[in-house]
Amino acid sequence: MKKLLLLILCFMLGLLTACSSGESTSKENAGEEKEVTKELKDVSIMLDWYPNAVHSYLYVAQEKGYFEEEGLNVDIQFPANPTDPINLAAAGQITLGISYQPDVIIARANQDVKIKSVGAIVRSPLNRVVYLEESEIQSPKDLEGKTVGYPGIPLNESLINSMVKADGGNPDNVEMVDVGFELGSSIVSEKVDAVIGAYINHEVPVLKHEGYETRNLNPTEYGIPSYNELIAVTSDKTWEEEQNSIKAFWRAATKGYEFTAENPEEALNILLSNQDEANFPLVEEVEVQSLDILLPLMESDEGFGSQSKEQWEDTINWMKESGLIEKEPAVDDIFVNITE
């Protein structure tokens, strides 16, 4: 009986040890699976400027976990200078950059930079001819005999030339003055009669916040194609190698945009909590107005980010006619329609 009891005891101890070992192995495996699940693909995007209302959808996507749901760890970066989003994207140092459609066309056509647009963010020019409300200016032809300030960018000169011609005026009679980025102060101080290069989602609400009412002329009403103000770009090589990650990014960004459109107040609160207060503090009143202006210009029946060949061709043709580019880049090389 003693021997039998001893055998039973040894058997029971063996069972307990095996169960304990199995449970430990199971926990280790579960931990390993959990670690594998947490592995995220790194994707970087460089803004066109410091964070402001137009970037709300990105911070919403990050805050709400939309990027993580797509298996992405997204690093949002700021540019040191305006050319960084294109140059660093072309060099493969960032996955994506936010830039301007005309700049991308110039880079591809004149410098053979191998970049392409993967998505349209703002689907219409934000750039306007802006002047004080009491000005006698009513249309581009009225700029004859006037002084127009601009930030030294050739695109703005071409816009004025085309707009004045389309309105029956002579652009040679318009004096262009390089005022750098002192656009708002230049019209307030009456250093110039009007400025171009001022954005309806930034300079206009900033001036209103400071107590100055303005009016503006929309380039698309005077012979300028409705080019995409802001687009997301990547290099040809990055698109070939990381197409799945970029598409996953855009799915999450689209969710961020949709949330922003439905909940603008909450989206702005998320943006304000991510602002760069040291370098570019935001004024809430200005950003509220800005987002109100931006959201309709970001909307598309074909889906957030959609692009069309016809729109690219129209913009390229105008830029060629205006002398901004020397040759026309191949349209099929310069963009992809990520929503298809």
C-alpha atoms as a PDB file:
ATOM      1  CA  MET A   1       0.000   0.000   0.000  1.00  0.00           C
ATOM      2  CA  LYS A   2       2.874   2.352   0.863  1.00  0.00           C
ATOM      3  CA  LYS A   3       4.517   1.700  -2.491  1.00  0.00           C
ATOM      4  CA  LEU A   4       1.209   2.248  -4.305  1.00  0.00           C
ATOM      5  CA  LEU A   5       0.594   5.545  -2.492  1.00  0.00           C
ATOM      6  CA  LEU A   6       4.135   6.668  -3.301  1.00  0.00           C
ATOM      7  CA  LEU A   7       3.618   5.908  -6.997  1.00  0.00           C
ATOM      8  CA  ILE A   8       0.307   7.815  -7.061  1.00  0.00           C
ATOM      9  CA  LEU A   9       1.953  10.816  -5.343  1.00  0.00           C
ATOM     10  CA  CYS A  10       4.819  10.869  -7.859  1.00  0.00           C
ATOM     11  CA  PHE A  11       2.328  10.664 -10.753  1.00  0.00           C
ATOM     12  CA  MET A  12       0.305  13.606  -9.400  1.00  0.00           C
ATOM     13  CA  LEU A  13       3.443  15.727  -8.921  1.00  0.00           C
ATOM     14  CA  GLY A  14       4.459  14.965 -12.502  1.00  0.00           C
ATOM     15  CA  LEU A  15       1.095  16.103 -13.798  1.00  0.00           C
ATOM     16  CA  LEU A  16       1.283  19.375 -11.859  1.00  0.00           C
ATOM     17  CA  THR A  17       4.790  20.100 -13.165  1.00  0.00           C
ATOM     18  CA  ALA A  18       3.713  19.426 -16.750  1.00  0.00           C
ATOM     19  CA  CYS A  19       0.671  21.690 -16.428  1.00  0.00           C
ATOM     20  CA  SER A  20       2.762  24.470 -14.911  1.00  0.00           C
ATOM     21  CA  SER A  21       5.326  24.164 -17.679  1.00  0.00           C
ATOM     22  CA  GLY A  22       2.603  24.170 -20.338  1.00  0.00           C
ATOM     23  CA  GLU A  23       0.972  27.245 -18.865  1.00  0.00           C
ATOM     24  CA  SER A  24       4.320  29.064 -18.763  1.00  0.00           C
ATOM     25  CA  THR A  25       5.063  28.159 -22.397  1.00  0.00           C
ATOM     26  CA  SER A  26       1.578  29.266 -23.396  1.00  0.00           C
ATOM     27  CA  LYS A  27       2.081  32.635 -21.693  1.00  0.00           C
ATOM     28  CA  GLU A  28       5.474  33.065 -23.376  1.00  0.00           C
ATOM     29  CA  ASN A  29       3.947  32.281 -26.786  1.00  0.00           C
ATOM     30  CA  ALA A  30       1.115  34.716 -26.151  1.00  0.00           C
ATOM     31  CA  GLY A  31       3.659  37.359 -25.206  1.00  0.00           C
ATOM     32  CA  GLU A  32       5.601  36.713 -28.391  1.00  0.00           C
ATOM     33  CA  GLU A  33       2.417  36.976 -30.463  1.00  0.00           C
ATOM     34  CA  LYS A  34       1.576  40.237 -28.708  1.00  0.00           C
ATOM     35  CA  GLU A  35       5.037  41.621 -29.524  1.00  0.00           C
ATOM     36  CA  VAL A  36       4.656  40.616 -33.182  1.00  0.00           C
ATOM     37  CA  THR A  37       1.267  42.331 -33.298  1.00  0.00           C
ATOM     38  CA  LYS A  38       2.817  45.543 -31.971  1.00  0.00           C
ATOM     39  CA  GLU A  39       5.462  45.731 -34.699  1.00  0.00           C
ATOM     40  CA  LEU A  40       4.621  48.769 -36.813  1.00  0.00           C
ATOM     41  CA  LYS A  41       5.975  49.951 -40.145  1.00  0.00           C
ATOM     42  CA  ASP A  42       7.710  53.332 -39.923  1.00  0.00           C
ATOM     43  CA  VAL A  43       6.357  56.013 -42.269  1.00  0.00           C
ATOM     44  CA  SER A  44       7.480  59.649 -42.220  1.00  0.00           C
ATOM     45  CA  ILE A  45       5.704  62.688 -43.623  1.00  0.00           C
ATOM     46  CA  MET A  46       7.062  66.232 -43.772  1.00  0.00           C
ATOM     47  CA  LEU A  47       4.594  69.103 -43.606  1.00  0.00           C
ATOM     48  CA  ASP A  48       4.765  72.032 -45.999  1.00  0.00           C
ATOM     49  CA  TRP A  49       4.975  74.385 -42.990  1.00  0.00           C
ATOM     50  CA  TYR A  50       4.422  74.357 -39.258  1.00  0.00           C
ATOM     51  CA  PRO A  51       1.231  72.628 -38.037  1.00  0.00           C
ATOM     52  CA  ASN A  52      -1.918  74.569 -38.835  1.00  0.00           C
ATOM     53  CA  ALA A  53      -5.557  73.891 -39.691  1.00  0.00           C
ATOM     54  CA  VAL A  54      -4.804  72.200 -43.029  1.00  0.00           C
ATOM     55  CA  HIS A  55      -2.897  69.472 -41.164  1.00  0.00           C
ATOM     56  CA  SER A  56      -5.674  68.712 -38.666  1.00  0.00           C
ATOM     57  CA  TYR A  57      -6.609  65.422 -40.352  1.00  0.00           C
ATOM     58  CA  LEU A  58      -3.084  64.051 -39.837  1.00  0.00           C
ATOM     59  CA  TYR A  59      -3.049  64.762 -36.121  1.00  0.00           C
ATOM     60  CA  VAL A  60      -6.557  63.335 -35.816  1.00  0.00           C
ATOM     61  CA  ALA A  61      -5.427  60.124 -37.555  1.00  0.00           C
ATOM     62  CA  GLN A  62      -2.496  59.911 -35.161  1.00  0.00           C
ATOM     63  CA  GLU A  63      -4.491  60.753 -32.027  1.00  0.00           C
ATOM     64  CA  LYS A  64      -7.381  58.402 -32.865  1.00  0.00           C
ATOM     65  CA  GLY A  65      -5.068  55.493 -33.660  1.00  0.00           C
ATOM     66  CA  TYR A  66      -5.996  55.262 -37.352  1.00  0.00           C
ATOM     67  CA  PHE A  67      -2.355  54.959 -38.411  1.00  0.00           C
ATOM     68  CA  GLU A  68      -1.706  52.268 -35.831  1.00  0.00           C
ATOM     69  CA  GLU A  69      -4.797  50.356 -37.006  1.00  0.00           C
ATOM     70  CA  GLU A  70      -3.137  50.238 -40.436  1.00  0.00           C
ATOM     71  CA  GLY A  71       0.078  48.909 -38.883  1.00  0.00           C
ATOM     72  CA  LEU A  72       1.962  52.193 -39.185  1.00  0.00           C
ATOM     73  CA  ASN A  73       4.134  54.277 -36.904  1.00  0.00           C
ATOM     74  CA  VAL A  74       3.899  57.753 -38.451  1.00  0.00           C
ATOM     75  CA  ASP A  75       6.495  60.442 -37.790  1.00  0.00           C
ATOM     76  CA  ILE A  76       5.215  63.947 -38.634  1.00  0.00           C
ATOM     77  CA  GLN A  77       8.115  66.310 -39.362  1.00  0.00           C
ATOM     78  CA  PHE A  78       8.459  70.063 -40.000  1.00  0.00           C
ATOM     79  CA  PRO A  79      10.567  71.506 -42.837  1.00  0.00           C
ATOM     80  CA  ALA A  80      13.662  73.624 -42.202  1.00  0.00           C
ATOM     81  CA  ASN A  81      13.033  75.400 -45.510  1.00  0.00           C
ATOM     82  CA  PRO A  82      10.239  75.340 -48.143  1.00  0.00           C
ATOM     83  CA  THR A  83      12.075  73.012 -50.559  1.00  0.00           C
ATOM     84  CA  ASP A  84      12.663  70.249 -47.993  1.00  0.00           C
ATOM     85  CA  PRO A  85       9.438  68.251 -48.600  1.00  0.00           C
ATOM     86  CA  ILE A  86      10.295  67.779 -52.297  1.00  0.00           C
ATOM     87  CA  ASN A  87      14.055  67.388 -51.911  1.00  0.00           C
ATOM     88  CA  LEU A  88      13.977  64.978 -48.980  1.00  0.00           C
ATOM     89  CA  ALA A  89      11.174  62.918 -50.519  1.00  0.00           C
ATOM     90  CA  ALA A  90      13.144  62.694 -53.789  1.00  0.00           C
ATOM     91  CA  ALA A  91      16.226  61.581 -51.842  1.00  0.00           C
ATOM     92  CA  GLY A  92      14.259  58.895 -49.997  1.00  0.00           C
ATOM     93  CA  GLN A  93      14.994  60.490 -46.610  1.00  0.00           C
ATOM     94  CA  ILE A  94      11.267  60.781 -45.894  1.00  0.00           C
ATOM     95  CA  THR A  95       8.401  58.633 -47.138  1.00  0.00           C
ATOM     96  CA  LEU A  96       6.104  61.516 -48.026  1.00  0.00           C
ATOM     97  CA  GLY A  97       6.219  65.283 -48.249  1.00  0.00           C
ATOM     98  CA  ILE A  98       3.446  67.865 -48.522  1.00  0.00           C
ATOM     99  CA  SER A  99       4.116  70.341 -51.310  1.00  0.00           C
ATOM    100  CA  TYR A 100       2.484  72.423 -54.041  1.00  0.00           C
ATOM    101  CA  GLN A 101       1.381  71.098 -57.434  1.00  0.00           C
ATOM    102  CA  PRO A 102       3.140  73.843 -59.456  1.00  0.00           C
ATOM    103  CA  ASP A 103       6.406  73.235 -57.534  1.00  0.00           C
ATOM    104  CA  VAL A 104       6.241  69.512 -58.235  1.00  0.00           C
ATOM    105  CA  ILE A 105       5.653  70.146 -61.941  1.00  0.00           C
ATOM    106  CA  ILE A 106       8.640  72.539 -62.059  1.00  0.00           C
ATOM    107  CA  ALA A 107      10.869  70.048 -60.219  1.00  0.00           C
ATOM    108  CA  ARG A 108       9.934  67.221 -62.566  1.00  0.00           C
ATOM    109  CA  ALA A 109       9.999  69.262 -65.787  1.00  0.00           C
ATOM    110  CA  ASN A 110      12.983  71.574 -65.258  1.00  0.00           C
ATOM    111  CA  GLN A 111      15.209  69.556 -62.926  1.00  0.00           C
ATOM    112  CA  ASP A 112      14.130  65.983 -63.732  1.00  0.00           C
ATOM    113  CA  VAL A 113      13.495  65.254 -60.053  1.00  0.00           C
ATOM    114  CA  LYS A 114      11.924  61.791 -59.820  1.00  0.00           C
ATOM    115  CA  ILE A 115       8.941  62.592 -57.637  1.00  0.00           C
ATOM    116  CA  LYS A 116       5.234  62.055 -58.038  1.00  0.00           C
ATOM    117  CA  SER A 117       2.012  63.087 -56.354  1.00  0.00           C
ATOM    118  CA  VAL A 118       0.113  60.345 -54.552  1.00  0.00           C
ATOM    119  CA  GLY A 119      -2.815  62.406 -53.321  1.00  0.00           C
ATOM    120  CA  ALA A 120      -4.458  65.825 -53.583  1.00  0.00           C
ATOM    121  CA  ILE A 121      -5.031  67.495 -50.217  1.00  0.00           C
ATOM    122  CA  VAL A 122      -6.346  70.968 -51.103  1.00  0.00           C
ATOM    123  CA  ARG A 123      -7.968  70.837 -54.521  1.00  0.00           C
ATOM    124  CA  SER A 124      -8.031  74.535 -55.421  1.00  0.00           C
ATOM    125  CA  PRO A 125      -5.612  77.483 -55.169  1.00  0.00           C
ATOM    126  CA  LEU A 126      -5.447  79.139 -51.766  1.00  0.00           C
ATOM    127  CA  ASN A 127      -3.246  81.877 -53.230  1.00  0.00           C
ATOM    128  CA  ARG A 128      -5.167  85.093 -53.847  1.00  0.00           C
ATOM    129  CA  VAL A 129      -4.697  88.702 -54.865  1.00  0.00           C
ATOM    130  CA  VAL A 130      -5.572  90.378 -51.558  1.00  0.00           C
ATOM    131  CA  TYR A 131      -6.245  94.056 -50.841  1.00  0.00           C
ATOM    132  CA  LEU A 132      -7.996  96.139 -48.191  1.00  0.00           C
ATOM    133  CA  GLU A 133     -11.784  96.281 -48.318  1.00  0.00           C
ATOM    134  CA  GLU A 134     -11.890 100.018 -49.102  1.00  0.00           C
ATOM    135  CA  SER A 135      -9.633  99.623 -52.158  1.00  0.00           C
ATOM    136  CA  GLU A 136     -11.006 100.657 -55.549  1.00  0.00           C
ATOM    137  CA  ILE A 137      -9.776  97.370 -57.063  1.00  0.00           C
ATOM    138  CA  GLN A 138     -12.644  95.287 -58.430  1.00  0.00           C
ATOM    139  CA  SER A 139     -10.944  93.013 -60.974  1.00  0.00           C
ATOM    140  CA  PRO A 140      -7.415  92.188 -62.239  1.00  0.00           C
ATOM    141  CA  LYS A 141      -7.569  94.927 -64.904  1.00  0.00           C
ATOM    142  CA  ASP A 142      -7.752  97.458 -62.057  1.00  0.00           C
ATOM    143  CA  LEU A 143      -4.211  96.453 -61.050  1.00  0.00           C
ATOM    144  CA  GLU A 144      -2.885  98.516 -63.970  1.00  0.00           C
ATOM    145  CA  GLY A 145      -1.028 101.511 -62.545  1.00  0.00           C
ATOM    146  CA  LYS A 146      -0.944  99.812 -59.122  1.00  0.00           C
ATOM    147  CA  THR A 147       1.845  98.261 -57.053  1.00  0.00           C
ATOM    148  CA  VAL A 148       1.484  94.559 -56.203  1.00  0.00           C
ATOM    149  CA  GLY A 149       3.662  92.970 -53.537  1.00  0.00           C
ATOM    150  CA  TYR A 150       4.696  89.330 -53.785  1.00  0.00           C
ATOM    151  CA  PRO A 151       7.146  86.974 -52.034  1.00  0.00           C
ATOM    152  CA  GLY A 152       9.654  86.800 -54.892  1.00  0.00           C
ATOM    153  CA  ILE A 153       8.289  83.554 -56.334  1.00  0.00           C
ATOM    154  CA  PRO A 154       7.984  83.421 -60.166  1.00  0.00           C
ATOM    155  CA  LEU A 155       4.631  81.606 -59.975  1.00  0.00           C
ATOM    156  CA  ASN A 156       3.048  84.750 -58.520  1.00  0.00           C
ATOM    157  CA  GLU A 157       4.299  86.906 -61.390  1.00  0.00           C
ATOM    158  CA  SER A 158       2.817  84.418 -63.881  1.00  0.00           C
ATOM    159  CA  LEU A 159      -0.502  84.453 -62.033  1.00  0.00           C
ATOM    160  CA  ILE A 160      -0.718  88.259 -62.218  1.00  0.00           C
ATOM    161  CA  ASN A 161       0.230  88.272 -65.906  1.00  0.00           C
ATOM    162  CA  SER A 162      -2.407  85.691 -66.824  1.00  0.00           C
ATOM    163  CA  MET A 163      -5.145  87.203 -64.669  1.00  0.00           C
ATOM    164  CA  VAL A 164      -4.657  90.768 -65.946  1.00  0.00           C
ATOM    165  CA  LYS A 165      -4.545  89.564 -69.578  1.00  0.00           C
ATOM    166  CA  ALA A 166      -7.694  87.471 -69.089  1.00  0.00           C
ATOM    167  CA  ASP A 167      -9.450  90.575 -67.750  1.00  0.00           C
ATOM    168  CA  GLY A 168      -8.445  92.648 -70.767  1.00  0.00           C
ATOM    169  CA  GLY A 169      -5.606  94.550 -69.142  1.00  0.00           C
ATOM    170  CA  ASN A 170      -1.884  94.947 -69.805  1.00  0.00           C
ATOM    171  CA  PRO A 171       0.308  93.263 -67.164  1.00  0.00           C
ATOM    172  CA  ASP A 172       3.249  95.464 -68.188  1.00  0.00           C
ATOM    173  CA  ASN A 173       1.432  98.311 -66.464  1.00  0.00           C
ATOM    174  CA  VAL A 174       1.460  96.489 -63.108  1.00  0.00           C
ATOM    175  CA  GLU A 175       4.462  97.154 -60.862  1.00  0.00           C
ATOM    176  CA  MET A 176       5.577  94.033 -58.987  1.00  0.00           C
ATOM    177  CA  VAL A 177       7.505  94.565 -55.746  1.00  0.00           C
ATOM    178  CA  ASP A 178       9.242  91.784 -53.803  1.00  0.00           C
ATOM    179  CA  VAL A 179       8.105  92.211 -50.193  1.00  0.00           C
ATOM    180  CA  GLY A 180       9.288  88.806 -49.008  1.00  0.00           C
ATOM    181  CA  PHE A 181       6.757  87.277 -46.685  1.00  0.00           C
ATOM    182  CA  GLU A 182       5.648  90.614 -45.199  1.00  0.00           C
ATOM    183  CA  LEU A 183       2.431  90.358 -47.179  1.00  0.00           C
ATOM    184  CA  GLY A 184      -0.141  91.426 -44.622  1.00  0.00           C
ATOM    185  CA  SER A 185       1.888  94.316 -43.219  1.00  0.00           C
ATOM    186  CA  SER A 186       2.650  95.551 -46.755  1.00  0.00           C
ATOM    187  CA  ILE A 187      -1.004  96.230 -47.566  1.00  0.00           C
ATOM    188  CA  VAL A 188      -1.859  97.497 -44.080  1.00  0.00           C
ATOM    189  CA  SER A 189       1.001 100.030 -44.250  1.00  0.00           C
ATOM    190  CA  GLU A 190      -0.022 100.883 -47.830  1.00  0.00           C
ATOM    191  CA  LYS A 191       3.461 100.078 -49.053  1.00  0.00           C
ATOM    192  CA  VAL A 192       1.643  98.300 -51.896  1.00  0.00           C
ATOM    193  CA  ASP A 193      -1.902  98.428 -53.245  1.00  0.00           C
ATOM    194  CA  ALA A 194      -2.371  94.653 -53.209  1.00  0.00           C
ATOM    195  CA  VAL A 195      -0.418  91.455 -52.651  1.00  0.00           C
ATOM    196  CA  ILE A 196      -0.335  88.047 -54.281  1.00  0.00           C
ATOM    197  CA  GLY A 197       0.996  85.017 -52.481  1.00  0.00           C
ATOM    198  CA  ALA A 198      -1.338  85.646 -49.558  1.00  0.00           C
ATOM    199  CA  TYR A 199      -3.488  82.661 -48.605  1.00  0.00           C
ATOM    200  CA  ILE A 200      -7.207  82.907 -47.922  1.00  0.00           C
ATOM    201  CA  ASN A 201      -6.822  80.375 -45.104  1.00  0.00           C
ATOM    202  CA  HIS A 202      -3.985  82.223 -43.362  1.00  0.00           C
ATOM    203  CA  GLU A 203      -3.214  85.868 -44.202  1.00  0.00           C
ATOM    204  CA  VAL A 204      -6.878  86.759 -44.727  1.00  0.00           C
ATOM    205  CA  PRO A 205      -8.121  85.474 -41.319  1.00  0.00           C
ATOM    206  CA  VAL A 206      -4.963  86.812 -39.615  1.00  0.00           C
ATOM    207  CA  LEU A 207      -5.666  90.290 -40.978  1.00  0.00           C
ATOM    208  CA  LYS A 208      -9.297  90.019 -39.897  1.00  0.00           C
ATOM    209  CA  HIS A 209      -8.161  88.985 -36.408  1.00  0.00           C
ATOM    210  CA  GLU A 210      -5.983  92.103 -36.347  1.00  0.00           C
ATOM    211  CA  GLY A 211      -8.962  94.274 -37.329  1.00  0.00           C
ATOM    212  CA  TYR A 212      -8.447  94.624 -41.094  1.00  0.00           C
ATOM    213  CA  GLU A 213     -11.173  93.574 -43.514  1.00  0.00           C
ATOM    214  CA  THR A 214     -10.010  92.541 -46.988  1.00  0.00           C
ATOM    215  CA  ARG A 215     -11.293  91.453 -50.374  1.00  0.00           C
ATOM    216  CA  ASN A 216      -9.560  89.162 -52.830  1.00  0.00           C
ATOM    217  CA  LEU A 217      -9.466  87.912 -56.422  1.00  0.00           C
ATOM    218  CA  ASN A 218      -9.562  84.181 -57.164  1.00  0.00           C
ATOM    219  CA  PRO A 219      -7.099  83.174 -59.947  1.00  0.00           C
ATOM    220  CA  THR A 220      -9.433  80.430 -61.199  1.00  0.00           C
ATOM    221  CA  GLU A 221     -11.990  83.087 -62.198  1.00  0.00           C
ATOM    222  CA  TYR A 222      -9.472  84.712 -64.542  1.00  0.00           C
ATOM    223  CA  GLY A 223      -7.941  82.067 -66.772  1.00  0.00           C
ATOM    224  CA  ILE A 224      -5.943  80.031 -64.239  1.00  0.00           C
ATOM    225  CA  PRO A 225      -6.660  76.284 -64.014  1.00  0.00           C
ATOM    226  CA  SER A 226      -7.882  75.054 -60.657  1.00  0.00           C
ATOM    227  CA  TYR A 227      -4.578  73.509 -59.630  1.00  0.00           C
ATOM    228  CA  ASN A 228      -4.145  71.554 -56.405  1.00  0.00           C
ATOM    229  CA  GLU A 229      -2.679  73.885 -53.804  1.00  0.00           C
ATOM    230  CA  LEU A 230      -1.367  71.063 -51.624  1.00  0.00           C
ATOM    231  CA  ILE A 231      -0.470  67.499 -52.568  1.00  0.00           C
ATOM    232  CA  ALA A 232       1.370  64.594 -50.964  1.00  0.00           C
ATOM    233  CA  VAL A 233       4.496  63.552 -52.866  1.00  0.00           C
ATOM    234  CA  THR A 234       6.958  60.686 -52.794  1.00  0.00           C
ATOM    235  CA  SER A 235       9.855  59.536 -54.946  1.00  0.00           C
ATOM    236  CA  ASP A 236       9.358  57.121 -57.826  1.00  0.00           C
ATOM    237  CA  LYS A 237      11.572  54.619 -56.011  1.00  0.00           C
ATOM    238  CA  THR A 238       9.734  54.929 -52.693  1.00  0.00           C
ATOM    239  CA  TRP A 239       6.411  54.428 -54.464  1.00  0.00           C
ATOM    240  CA  GLU A 240       7.704  51.238 -56.095  1.00  0.00           C
ATOM    241  CA  GLU A 241       9.116  49.860 -52.842  1.00  0.00           C
ATOM    242  CA  GLU A 242       6.583  51.081 -50.264  1.00  0.00           C
ATOM    243  CA  GLN A 243       3.344  51.324 -52.205  1.00  0.00           C
ATOM    244  CA  ASN A 244       1.410  49.207 -49.693  1.00  0.00           C
ATOM    245  CA  SER A 245       2.543  51.347 -46.754  1.00  0.00           C
ATOM    246  CA  ILE A 246       1.636  54.569 -48.593  1.00  0.00           C
ATOM    247  CA  LYS A 247      -1.807  53.207 -49.433  1.00  0.00           C
ATOM    248  CA  ALA A 248      -2.264  52.187 -45.791  1.00  0.00           C
ATOM    249  CA  PHE A 249      -1.208  55.696 -44.759  1.00  0.00           C
ATOM    250  CA  TRP A 250      -3.790  57.207 -47.097  1.00  0.00           C
ATOM    251  CA  ARG A 251      -6.584  55.000 -45.768  1.00  0.00           C
ATOM    252  CA  ALA A 252      -5.809  56.235 -42.251  1.00  0.00           C
ATOM    253  CA  ALA A 253      -5.444  59.849 -43.435  1.00  0.00           C
ATOM    254  CA  THR A 254      -8.836  59.593 -45.138  1.00  0.00           C
ATOM    255  CA  LYS A 255     -10.393  58.500 -41.843  1.00  0.00           C
ATOM    256  CA  GLY A 256      -8.706  61.494 -40.233  1.00  0.00           C
ATOM    257  CA  TYR A 257     -10.144  63.834 -42.866  1.00  0.00           C
ATOM    258  CA  GLU A 258     -13.645  62.343 -42.528  1.00  0.00           C
ATOM    259  CA  PHE A 259     -13.524  62.741 -38.740  1.00  0.00           C
ATOM    260  CA  THR A 260     -12.305  66.337 -39.134  1.00  0.00           C
ATOM    261  CA  ALA A 261     -15.119  67.161 -41.565  1.00  0.00           C
ATOM    262  CA  GLU A 262     -17.720  65.757 -39.161  1.00  0.00           C
ATOM    263  CA  ASN A 263     -16.124  67.034 -35.929  1.00  0.00           C
ATOM    264  CA  PRO A 264     -14.184  70.217 -36.774  1.00  0.00           C
ATOM    265  CA  GLU A 265     -14.164  71.549 -33.213  1.00  0.00           C
ATOM    266  CA  GLU A 266     -12.662  68.376 -31.736  1.00  0.00           C
ATOM    267  CA  ALA A 267     -10.235  68.091 -34.642  1.00  0.00           C
ATOM    268  CA  LEU A 268      -8.988  71.640 -34.011  1.00  0.00           C
ATOM    269  CA  ASN A 269      -8.523  70.893 -30.324  1.00  0.00           C
ATOM    270  CA  ILE A 270      -6.319  67.964 -31.314  1.00  0.00           C
ATOM    271  CA  LEU A 271      -4.361  70.219 -33.675  1.00  0.00           C
ATOM    272  CA  LEU A 272      -3.926  72.935 -31.028  1.00  0.00           C
ATOM    273  CA  SER A 273      -2.534  70.373 -28.590  1.00  0.00           C
ATOM    274  CA  ASN A 274       0.091  69.474 -31.211  1.00  0.00           C
ATOM    275  CA  GLN A 275       1.051  73.003 -32.289  1.00  0.00           C
ATOM    276  CA  ASP A 276       4.665  74.181 -32.309  1.00  0.00           C
ATOM    277  CA  GLU A 277       4.197  76.917 -29.720  1.00  0.00           C
ATOM    278  CA  ALA A 278       7.882  77.873 -29.662  1.00  0.00           C
ATOM    279  CA  ASN A 279       8.167  78.638 -33.382  1.00  0.00           C
ATOM    280  CA  PHE A 280       4.641  79.051 -34.685  1.00  0.00           C
ATOM    281  CA  PRO A 281       1.990  79.573 -32.007  1.00  0.00           C
ATOM    282  CA  LEU A 282      -1.534  79.320 -33.361  1.00  0.00           C
ATOM    283  CA  VAL A 283      -4.438  81.691 -32.774  1.00  0.00           C
ATOM    284  CA  GLU A 284      -7.550  79.593 -32.231  1.00  0.00           C
ATOM    285  CA  GLU A 285      -9.903  82.136 -33.843  1.00  0.00           C
ATOM    286  CA  VAL A 286      -7.732  82.192 -36.992  1.00  0.00           C
ATOM    287  CA  GLU A 287      -7.543  78.391 -37.212  1.00  0.00           C
ATOM    288  CA  VAL A 288     -11.321  78.051 -36.799  1.00  0.00           C
ATOM    289  CA  GLN A 289     -11.855  80.357 -39.791  1.00  0.00           C
ATOM    290  CA  SER A 290      -9.081  78.622 -41.712  1.00  0.00           C
ATOM    291  CA  LEU A 291     -10.551  75.147 -41.298  1.00  0.00           C
ATOM    292  CA  ASP A 292     -13.982  76.461 -42.287  1.00  0.00           C
ATOM    293  CA  ILE A 293     -12.428  77.719 -45.551  1.00  0.00           C
ATOM    294  CA  LEU A 294     -10.358  74.588 -46.150  1.00  0.00           C
ATOM    295  CA  LEU A 295     -12.812  71.738 -45.655  1.00  0.00           C
ATOM    296  CA  PRO A 296     -14.925  72.407 -48.789  1.00  0.00           C
ATOM    297  CA  LEU A 297     -11.702  72.695 -50.827  1.00  0.00           C
ATOM    298  CA  MET A 298     -10.492  69.290 -49.601  1.00  0.00           C
ATOM    299  CA  GLU A 299     -13.684  67.455 -50.495  1.00  0.00           C
ATOM    300  CA  SER A 300     -14.036  65.235 -53.572  1.00  0.00           C
ATOM    301  CA  ASP A 301     -16.852  63.036 -54.826  1.00  0.00           C
ATOM    302  CA  GLU A 302     -14.196  60.545 -55.960  1.00  0.00           C
ATOM    303  CA  GLY A 303     -12.706  60.293 -52.488  1.00  0.00           C
ATOM    304  CA  PHE A 304     -10.213  62.265 -50.416  1.00  0.00           C
ATOM    305  CA  GLY A 305      -6.972  62.585 -52.346  1.00  0.00           C
ATOM    306  CA  SER A 306      -8.317  61.658 -55.782  1.00  0.00           C
ATOM    307  CA  GLN A 307      -6.535  63.129 -58.807  1.00  0.00           C
ATOM    308  CA  SER A 308      -7.359  63.345 -62.507  1.00  0.00           C
ATOM    309  CA  LYS A 309      -5.219  63.316 -65.626  1.00  0.00           C
ATOM    310  CA  GLU A 310      -7.209  66.175 -67.129  1.00  0.00           C
ATOM    311  CA  GLN A 311      -6.525  68.455 -64.164  1.00  0.00           C
ATOM    312  CA  TRP A 312      -2.794  67.723 -64.315  1.00  0.00           C
ATOM    313  CA  GLU A 313      -2.714  68.315 -68.071  1.00  0.00           C
ATOM    314  CA  ASP A 314      -4.525  71.663 -67.729  1.00  0.00           C
ATOM    315  CA  THR A 315      -2.081  72.845 -65.069  1.00  0.00           C
ATOM    316  CA  ILE A 316       0.979  71.676 -67.014  1.00  0.00           C
ATOM    317  CA  ASN A 317      -0.270  73.364 -70.213  1.00  0.00           C
ATOM    318  CA  TRP A 318      -0.821  76.698 -68.428  1.00  0.00           C
ATOM    319  CA  MET A 319       2.627  76.526 -66.809  1.00  0.00           C
ATOM    320  CA  LYS A 320       4.249  75.805 -70.184  1.00  0.00           C
ATOM    321  CA  GLU A 321       2.393  78.717 -71.824  1.00  0.00           C
ATOM    322  CA  SER A 322       3.430  80.982 -68.929  1.00  0.00           C
ATOM    323  CA  GLY A 323       7.106  80.067 -69.300  1.00  0.00           C
ATOM    324  CA  LEU A 324       7.353  78.457 -65.875  1.00  0.00           C
ATOM    325  CA  ILE A 325       8.519  75.140 -67.341  1.00  0.00           C
ATOM    326  CA  GLU A 326      10.733  74.425 -70.336  1.00  0.00           C
ATOM    327  CA  LYS A 327       9.125  71.124 -71.292  1.00  0.00           C
ATOM    328  CA  GLU A 328       6.023  69.208 -70.341  1.00  0.00           C
ATOM    329  CA  PRO A 329       6.627  66.249 -68.019  1.00  0.00           C
ATOM    330  CA  ALA A 330       4.900  62.957 -68.816  1.00  0.00           C
ATOM    331  CA  VAL A 331       1.582  63.095 -66.971  1.00  0.00           C
ATOM    332  CA  ASP A 332       1.556  59.358 -66.260  1.00  0.00           C
ATOM    333  CA  ASP A 333       4.894  59.705 -64.423  1.00  0.00           C
ATOM    334  CA  ILE A 334       3.962  62.643 -62.223  1.00  0.00           C
ATOM    335  CA  PHE A 335       0.921  61.354 -60.333  1.00  0.00           C
ATOM    336  CA  VAL A 336      -0.998  58.251 -59.290  1.00  0.00           C
ATOM    337  CA  ASN A 337      -4.656  58.099 -58.371  1.00  0.00           C
ATOM    338  CA  ILE A 338      -4.458  56.466 -54.970  1.00  0.00           C
ATOM    339  CA  THR A 339      -8.250  56.233 -54.572  1.00  0.00           C
ATOM    340  CA  GLU A 340      -8.726  53.838 -57.509  1.00  0.00           C
END
